[in-house]
Structure formats: C-alpha cells, structure tokens
Amino acid sequence: MDEKEYIDKVVETLEKVPEKHLLIIELVNKVGMKGKELDYDKLKLIQPEVNLACAEAKTYGGFTIQAVEALTRVKAREAEEIERPNEPEGSALRGI
C-alpha cells in the first residue's frame, strides 16, 4: 500500500467516527443522582433509551479505537522511514 492509499484509509477511518454528543452522557445528566449513585429507579423507567445509549457509546468507542490504531500505524511508519531514509522504496529489507 503506497502512502496515498494509506492516508486515504486513515481519513476514511476517521470519517466513520461520529461527531456528536453521546446520548449516554445526556441520560446521566437527565436522570441525576440518588445519594452517591445514579437514580436506578429512573433508569428502569427509560430502559429502551438506556439500551440505545449503551449501544451508541460502544459503537462510538469501537470507531474511536480504529482511528487511534490507524494513527498509531502512521506514526510508527513515519518513524521507520526516518530510521531508514536511504533504503529504496521496493527494498526486500523494508519493514524488517
């Protein structure tokens, strides 16, 4: 994969990360606390919304992890290229 394809893949991965406020944060603020814990009685009343918020948060987290991994690979690749500046692009030793 050449550099342009790699950058395109990183951009594609980043575009999949939803840009929005997570419902789970809104629900926590909406439900409030009962003592030192969330008000679980109120949460039970909105269980379908809680389930949706949890699914949304997990999806967001998954896309975020993909983006971090893609950027980490770019950083590692850049470091490798700095360490081996005179090595030809098609070298059999590249990446070893």
Protein backbone atom coordinates (compact mmCIF):
# COMPACT_ATOMS: atom_id res chain seq x y z
CA MET A 1 0.00 0.00 0.00
CA ASP A 2 1.51 3.31 -1.02
CA GLU A 3 1.43 6.45 1.12
CA LYS A 4 -1.60 7.99 -0.61
CA GLU A 5 -3.66 4.82 -0.17
CA TYR A 6 -2.61 4.65 3.46
CA ILE A 7 -3.58 8.28 4.12
CA ASP A 8 -6.91 7.72 2.33
CA LYS A 9 -7.56 4.72 4.59
CA VAL A 10 -6.79 6.78 7.71
CA VAL A 11 -9.11 9.56 6.55
CA GLU A 12 -11.84 7.01 5.76
CA THR A 13 -11.47 5.54 9.25
CA LEU A 14 -11.63 8.97 10.91
CA GLU A 15 -14.74 9.88 8.92
CA LYS A 16 -16.53 6.90 10.48
CA VAL A 17 -16.13 8.36 13.96
CA PRO A 18 -19.46 10.03 14.69
CA GLU A 19 -19.23 13.69 15.57
CA LYS A 20 -21.94 14.23 18.14
CA HIS A 21 -22.85 14.31 21.77
CA LEU A 22 -23.38 10.85 23.18
CA LEU A 23 -26.86 10.02 24.44
CA ILE A 24 -25.38 8.21 27.45
CA ILE A 25 -23.95 11.49 28.78
CA GLU A 26 -27.28 13.24 28.26
CA LEU A 27 -29.12 10.45 30.11
CA VAL A 28 -26.77 10.56 33.09
CA ASN A 29 -27.31 14.30 33.36
CA LYS A 30 -31.08 13.92 32.88
CA VAL A 31 -31.54 11.10 35.42
CA GLY A 32 -29.35 12.60 38.09
CA MET A 33 -28.04 11.10 41.28
CA LYS A 34 -29.75 9.46 44.22
CA GLY A 35 -27.28 9.77 47.05
CA LYS A 36 -23.87 8.92 45.59
CA GLU A 37 -25.19 6.74 42.74
CA LEU A 38 -27.30 7.15 39.65
CA ASP A 39 -31.04 7.02 40.24
CA TYR A 40 -31.59 3.44 39.08
CA ASP A 41 -35.36 3.68 39.57
CA LYS A 42 -35.49 6.45 36.96
CA LEU A 43 -33.16 4.49 34.67
CA LYS A 44 -35.54 1.50 34.78
CA LEU A 45 -38.34 3.72 33.51
CA ILE A 46 -36.35 4.63 30.40
CA GLN A 47 -34.68 1.24 29.82
CA PRO A 48 -35.09 1.25 26.00
CA GLU A 49 -33.38 4.65 25.85
CA VAL A 50 -30.62 3.38 28.16
CA ASN A 51 -30.07 0.35 25.88
CA LEU A 52 -29.84 2.62 22.83
CA ALA A 53 -27.40 4.93 24.64
CA CYS A 54 -25.18 1.98 25.61
CA ALA A 55 -25.15 0.62 22.05
CA GLU A 56 -24.31 4.08 20.70
CA ALA A 57 -21.45 4.51 23.19
CA LYS A 58 -20.00 1.08 22.32
CA THR A 59 -20.15 1.86 18.60
CA TYR A 60 -18.51 5.24 19.12
CA GLY A 61 -15.80 3.59 21.23
CA GLY A 62 -15.15 0.99 18.53
CA PHE A 63 -14.74 3.61 15.82
CA THR A 64 -12.51 5.66 18.11
CA ILE A 65 -10.24 2.67 18.72
CA GLN A 66 -9.98 2.08 14.95
CA ALA A 67 -8.98 5.71 14.43
CA VAL A 68 -6.35 5.57 17.18
CA GLU A 69 -4.89 2.36 15.75
CA ALA A 70 -4.74 3.86 12.25
CA LEU A 71 -2.97 6.97 13.51
CA THR A 72 -0.57 4.86 15.59
CA ARG A 73 0.37 2.89 12.47
CA VAL A 74 1.02 6.13 10.59
CA LYS A 75 3.25 7.36 13.42
CA ALA A 76 5.16 4.06 13.52
CA ARG A 77 5.53 4.10 9.76
CA GLU A 78 6.89 7.66 9.80
CA ALA A 79 9.42 6.67 12.48
CA GLU A 80 10.50 3.69 10.40
CA GLU A 81 11.02 5.90 7.34
CA ILE A 82 13.13 8.33 9.39
CA GLU A 83 15.30 5.43 10.63
CA ARG A 84 15.83 4.11 7.07
CA PRO A 85 15.98 7.21 4.86
CA ASN A 86 18.37 5.76 2.24
CA GLU A 87 16.61 2.45 1.78
CA PRO A 88 14.97 2.08 -1.65
CA GLU A 89 11.15 2.01 -1.62
CA GLY A 90 10.94 -1.53 -3.01
CA SER A 91 13.71 -2.96 -0.83
CA ALA A 92 13.21 -6.51 0.43
CA LEU A 93 14.50 -5.33 3.82
CA ARG A 94 11.85 -2.61 4.19
CA GLY A 95 9.82 -3.15 7.34
CA ILE A 96 12.21 -5.69 8.88
